[in-house]
Structures are given as structure tokens and as C-alpha cells.
Amino acid sequence: MANRSISVSLDEGLLAELDAQGANRSALVSEALADWLARRRVAALNSAYAHLASLEAADLQAAAEAAVAMGLEAMAADADG
């Protein structure tokens, strides 16, 4: 995927820690953001599965279909990113 230049503001302390990790800020910020997004997707899946555990049998089929769709969306997002 092609990179696009953007401008962001960071806390000075956070920037100092970032700079201490290496010279390529863009790569470090990209890696951190990708990790954060992946954790958010996993948290959403965990929430969906927790909800599944609380369902009655009659609602289980619809919830299972929704969970599969959510999982497929998460995998597609991982493949894109």
C-alpha cells in the first residue's frame, strides 16, 4: 500500500520517546497505529463472542451469522492493512 504524508501533533514527551526508538518516525507511527487498530478489532470480536455466550438458543443462529460476518470483516481489514 502506498504511503501518504500527513501532519499530526504529538505531546513533546511522547515525541521524545518515539525519537529514542529510532530514526524513522513514519515507520514507528505506522506500526503503532496498525497494532492499535488490530487490538480494537480483537476487542470488538471478543465483545461479540461474549454477547454470544449470553444468548438463548433461539437467538443463537442469528448471532452466529453476525459473528461470522464480523470475523470476515476483521480478516479483510487485516489483509488490507
Protein backbone atom coordinates (compact mmCIF):
# COMPACT_ATOMS: atom_id res chain seq x y z
CA MET A 1 0.00 0.00 0.00
CA ALA A 2 1.29 3.46 -0.84
CA ASN A 3 2.16 5.85 1.94
CA ARG A 4 0.60 9.27 2.25
CA SER A 5 2.17 12.14 4.12
CA ILE A 6 0.06 13.69 6.90
CA SER A 7 0.65 16.07 9.75
CA VAL A 8 -0.12 15.17 13.37
CA SER A 9 0.56 16.86 16.69
CA LEU A 10 2.20 14.83 19.46
CA ASP A 11 2.94 15.51 23.09
CA GLU A 12 6.61 16.52 23.45
CA GLY A 13 7.32 13.68 25.87
CA LEU A 14 5.76 11.12 23.56
CA LEU A 15 7.76 12.51 20.64
CA ALA A 16 10.99 12.25 22.65
CA GLU A 17 10.24 8.59 23.44
CA LEU A 18 9.41 7.95 19.79
CA ASP A 19 12.67 9.53 18.63
CA ALA A 20 14.61 7.44 21.14
CA GLN A 21 13.32 4.28 19.43
CA GLY A 22 14.76 5.00 16.01
CA ALA A 23 15.23 7.49 13.24
CA ASN A 24 12.20 6.59 11.10
CA ARG A 25 9.23 8.29 12.79
CA SER A 26 6.84 7.40 9.98
CA ALA A 27 7.54 3.68 10.22
CA LEU A 28 7.24 3.71 14.01
CA VAL A 29 3.95 5.64 13.96
CA SER A 30 2.56 3.38 11.20
CA GLU A 31 3.49 0.26 13.18
CA ALA A 32 1.96 1.63 16.38
CA LEU A 33 -1.26 2.62 14.62
CA ALA A 34 -1.56 -0.77 12.89
CA ASP A 35 -1.11 -2.51 16.26
CA TRP A 36 -3.71 -0.27 17.89
CA LEU A 37 -6.25 -0.92 15.12
CA ALA A 38 -5.67 -4.68 15.34
CA ARG A 39 -6.25 -4.59 19.12
CA ARG A 40 -9.51 -2.68 18.56
CA ARG A 41 -10.69 -5.32 16.06
CA VAL A 42 -9.87 -8.11 18.51
CA ALA A 43 -11.69 -6.27 21.30
CA ALA A 44 -14.76 -5.93 19.07
CA LEU A 45 -14.68 -9.65 18.31
CA ASN A 46 -14.26 -10.51 21.99
CA SER A 47 -17.26 -8.34 22.81
CA ALA A 48 -19.32 -10.05 20.13
CA TYR A 49 -18.34 -13.50 21.39
CA ALA A 50 -19.15 -12.52 24.98
CA HIS A 51 -22.56 -11.43 23.79
CA LEU A 52 -23.00 -14.79 22.05
CA ALA A 53 -22.40 -16.59 25.33
CA SER A 54 -25.33 -14.76 26.90
CA LEU A 55 -27.88 -15.58 24.20
CA GLU A 56 -30.75 -18.02 24.38
CA ALA A 57 -30.85 -20.88 21.85
CA ALA A 58 -33.48 -19.16 19.68
CA ASP A 59 -31.20 -16.15 19.12
CA LEU A 60 -28.02 -18.16 18.63
CA GLN A 61 -28.31 -18.71 14.86
CA ALA A 62 -28.74 -15.02 14.04
CA ALA A 63 -25.93 -14.09 16.40
CA ALA A 64 -23.65 -16.74 14.89
CA GLU A 65 -24.23 -15.33 11.42
CA ALA A 66 -23.45 -11.82 12.65
CA ALA A 67 -20.27 -13.04 14.37
CA VAL A 68 -19.07 -14.78 11.21
CA ALA A 69 -19.68 -11.61 9.21
CA MET A 70 -17.77 -9.56 11.79
CA GLY A 71 -14.88 -12.03 11.71
CA LEU A 72 -14.73 -11.92 7.93
CA GLU A 73 -14.67 -8.11 8.02
CA ALA A 74 -11.83 -8.16 10.55
CA MET A 75 -9.81 -10.59 8.44
CA ALA A 76 -10.38 -8.48 5.32
CA ALA A 77 -9.25 -5.38 7.19
CA ASP A 78 -6.09 -7.20 8.34
CA ALA A 79 -5.39 -8.27 4.75
CA ASP A 80 -5.76 -4.67 3.58
CA GLY A 81 -3.65 -3.17 6.30
